[in-house]
Amino acid sequence: MEIYNEALRDLLSSNSAPLRLLDDVERVTVVGKLTEKTLRDRNHLQELFIVRDYPV
């Protein structure tokens, strides 16, 4: 996730639409529609950066 000029962006998604902060019923703030990945190892992290065109 990137926060820039008060806009939230999902760095792992090809969708460039800004994300929204939401409050759930337990009064916790969450980011709606944020992509979540569980890293397996360092190589998996590098794969994610390559897919999104970020230099490693």
N, C-alpha and C. Protein backbone atom coordinates (compact mmCIF):
# COMPACT_ATOMS: atom_id res chain seq x y z
N MET A 1 0.85 -1.16 0.00
CA MET A 1 0.00 0.00 0.00
C MET A 1 0.90 1.23 0.00
N GLU A 2 0.48 2.21 -0.75
CA GLU A 2 1.18 3.49 -0.80
C GLU A 2 0.21 4.59 -0.38
N ILE A 3 0.68 5.48 0.48
CA ILE A 3 -0.09 6.66 0.85
C ILE A 3 0.67 7.85 0.31
N TYR A 4 0.05 8.58 -0.60
CA TYR A 4 0.71 9.73 -1.22
C TYR A 4 -0.34 10.80 -1.47
N ASN A 5 -0.07 12.01 -1.01
CA ASN A 5 -1.03 13.12 -1.14
C ASN A 5 -2.43 12.73 -0.66
N GLU A 6 -2.48 12.07 0.48
CA GLU A 6 -3.73 11.65 1.12
C GLU A 6 -4.54 10.65 0.29
N ALA A 7 -3.91 10.00 -0.68
CA ALA A 7 -4.58 8.96 -1.48
C ALA A 7 -3.91 7.62 -1.19
N LEU A 8 -4.72 6.58 -1.05
CA LEU A 8 -4.23 5.23 -0.81
C LEU A 8 -4.24 4.45 -2.11
N ARG A 9 -3.15 3.71 -2.37
CA ARG A 9 -3.07 2.94 -3.60
C ARG A 9 -2.53 1.55 -3.29
N ASP A 10 -3.10 0.53 -3.93
CA ASP A 10 -2.69 -0.86 -3.76
C ASP A 10 -1.55 -1.14 -4.73
N LEU A 11 -0.35 -1.37 -4.21
CA LEU A 11 0.81 -1.60 -5.06
C LEU A 11 0.83 -3.00 -5.66
N LEU A 12 0.01 -3.91 -5.18
CA LEU A 12 -0.03 -5.28 -5.71
C LEU A 12 -1.19 -5.50 -6.67
N SER A 13 -1.95 -4.48 -6.96
CA SER A 13 -3.12 -4.61 -7.83
C SER A 13 -2.89 -3.84 -9.12
N SER A 14 -3.43 -4.35 -10.21
CA SER A 14 -3.34 -3.64 -11.49
C SER A 14 -4.41 -2.55 -11.58
N ASN A 15 -5.37 -2.57 -10.66
CA ASN A 15 -6.41 -1.55 -10.60
C ASN A 15 -5.83 -0.29 -9.96
N SER A 16 -5.89 0.82 -10.66
CA SER A 16 -5.28 2.04 -10.14
C SER A 16 -6.26 2.93 -9.37
N ALA A 17 -7.47 2.44 -9.14
CA ALA A 17 -8.46 3.22 -8.40
C ALA A 17 -7.99 3.40 -6.95
N PRO A 18 -8.20 4.58 -6.39
CA PRO A 18 -7.79 4.81 -4.99
C PRO A 18 -8.60 3.94 -4.03
N LEU A 19 -7.96 3.55 -2.94
CA LEU A 19 -8.60 2.74 -1.92
C LEU A 19 -9.28 3.64 -0.89
N ARG A 20 -10.17 3.03 -0.11
CA ARG A 20 -10.88 3.79 0.92
C ARG A 20 -10.61 3.20 2.29
N LEU A 21 -10.54 4.07 3.28
CA LEU A 21 -10.47 3.62 4.68
C LEU A 21 -11.89 3.39 5.16
N LEU A 22 -12.10 2.26 5.84
CA LEU A 22 -13.42 1.89 6.33
C LEU A 22 -13.34 1.56 7.81
N ASP A 23 -14.40 1.83 8.54
CA ASP A 23 -14.50 1.42 9.94
C ASP A 23 -15.41 0.20 10.01
N ASP A 24 -14.91 -0.90 10.61
CA ASP A 24 -15.75 -2.08 10.73
C ASP A 24 -16.54 -2.04 12.04
N VAL A 25 -17.34 -3.06 12.28
CA VAL A 25 -18.24 -3.06 13.45
C VAL A 25 -17.49 -3.09 14.77
N GLU A 26 -16.25 -3.54 14.77
CA GLU A 26 -15.46 -3.59 16.00
C GLU A 26 -14.67 -2.29 16.23
N ARG A 27 -15.00 -1.26 15.44
CA ARG A 27 -14.36 0.06 15.55
C ARG A 27 -12.88 0.01 15.18
N VAL A 28 -12.57 -0.82 14.20
CA VAL A 28 -11.21 -0.93 13.68
C VAL A 28 -11.20 -0.34 12.28
N THR A 29 -10.20 0.43 11.97
CA THR A 29 -10.09 1.01 10.63
C THR A 29 -9.36 0.02 9.73
N VAL A 30 -9.95 -0.25 8.57
CA VAL A 30 -9.37 -1.18 7.59
C VAL A 30 -9.33 -0.49 6.23
N VAL A 31 -8.51 -1.03 5.34
CA VAL A 31 -8.44 -0.53 3.97
C VAL A 31 -9.26 -1.46 3.10
N GLY A 32 -10.31 -0.92 2.47
CA GLY A 32 -11.18 -1.73 1.64
C GLY A 32 -10.51 -2.16 0.35
N LYS A 33 -10.72 -3.42 -0.03
CA LYS A 33 -10.24 -4.00 -1.29
C LYS A 33 -8.72 -4.01 -1.45
N LEU A 34 -7.99 -4.03 -0.34
CA LEU A 34 -6.54 -4.09 -0.39
C LEU A 34 -6.10 -5.53 -0.65
N THR A 35 -5.18 -5.71 -1.57
CA THR A 35 -4.64 -7.04 -1.88
C THR A 35 -3.73 -7.48 -0.75
N GLU A 36 -3.91 -8.72 -0.29
CA GLU A 36 -3.06 -9.27 0.75
C GLU A 36 -2.36 -10.51 0.21
N LYS A 37 -1.07 -10.60 0.44
CA LYS A 37 -0.27 -11.76 0.05
C LYS A 37 0.55 -12.20 1.25
N THR A 38 0.68 -13.52 1.43
CA THR A 38 1.55 -14.07 2.44
C THR A 38 2.84 -14.48 1.75
N LEU A 39 3.93 -13.88 2.17
CA LEU A 39 5.21 -14.17 1.53
C LEU A 39 5.72 -15.54 1.93
N ARG A 40 6.16 -16.29 0.94
CA ARG A 40 6.74 -17.61 1.18
C ARG A 40 8.23 -17.49 1.50
N ASP A 41 8.91 -16.62 0.76
CA ASP A 41 10.34 -16.43 0.94
C ASP A 41 10.77 -15.17 0.18
N ARG A 42 12.06 -14.90 0.19
CA ARG A 42 12.58 -13.71 -0.47
C ARG A 42 12.30 -13.72 -1.98
N ASN A 43 12.39 -14.88 -2.60
CA ASN A 43 12.13 -14.99 -4.03
C ASN A 43 10.69 -14.61 -4.37
N HIS A 44 9.76 -14.99 -3.51
CA HIS A 44 8.36 -14.64 -3.73
C HIS A 44 8.19 -13.11 -3.69
N LEU A 45 8.87 -12.46 -2.78
CA LEU A 45 8.82 -11.00 -2.70
C LEU A 45 9.35 -10.38 -4.00
N GLN A 46 10.46 -10.89 -4.48
CA GLN A 46 11.02 -10.38 -5.73
C GLN A 46 10.05 -10.60 -6.90
N GLU A 47 9.37 -11.74 -6.93
CA GLU A 47 8.38 -12.01 -7.98
C GLU A 47 7.26 -10.97 -7.95
N LEU A 48 6.80 -10.63 -6.77
CA LEU A 48 5.73 -9.64 -6.65
C LEU A 48 6.18 -8.28 -7.17
N PHE A 49 7.40 -7.89 -6.87
CA PHE A 49 7.91 -6.62 -7.37
C PHE A 49 8.06 -6.64 -8.88
N ILE A 50 8.52 -7.76 -9.43
CA ILE A 50 8.70 -7.86 -10.87
C ILE A 50 7.35 -7.78 -11.58
N VAL A 51 6.34 -8.46 -11.06
CA VAL A 51 5.01 -8.44 -11.66
C VAL A 51 4.47 -7.02 -11.72
N ARG A 52 4.73 -6.20 -10.71
CA ARG A 52 4.22 -4.84 -10.66
C ARG A 52 5.20 -3.82 -11.23
N ASP A 53 6.31 -4.28 -11.78
CA ASP A 53 7.28 -3.39 -12.45
C ASP A 53 8.02 -2.47 -11.49
N TYR A 54 8.32 -2.92 -10.29
CA TYR A 54 9.11 -2.15 -9.34
C TYR A 54 10.52 -2.73 -9.32
N PRO A 55 11.55 -1.90 -9.34
CA PRO A 55 12.92 -2.43 -9.29
C PRO A 55 13.20 -3.09 -7.95
N VAL A 56 13.96 -4.17 -7.99
CA VAL A 56 14.29 -4.91 -6.77
C VAL A 56 15.63 -4.45 -6.24
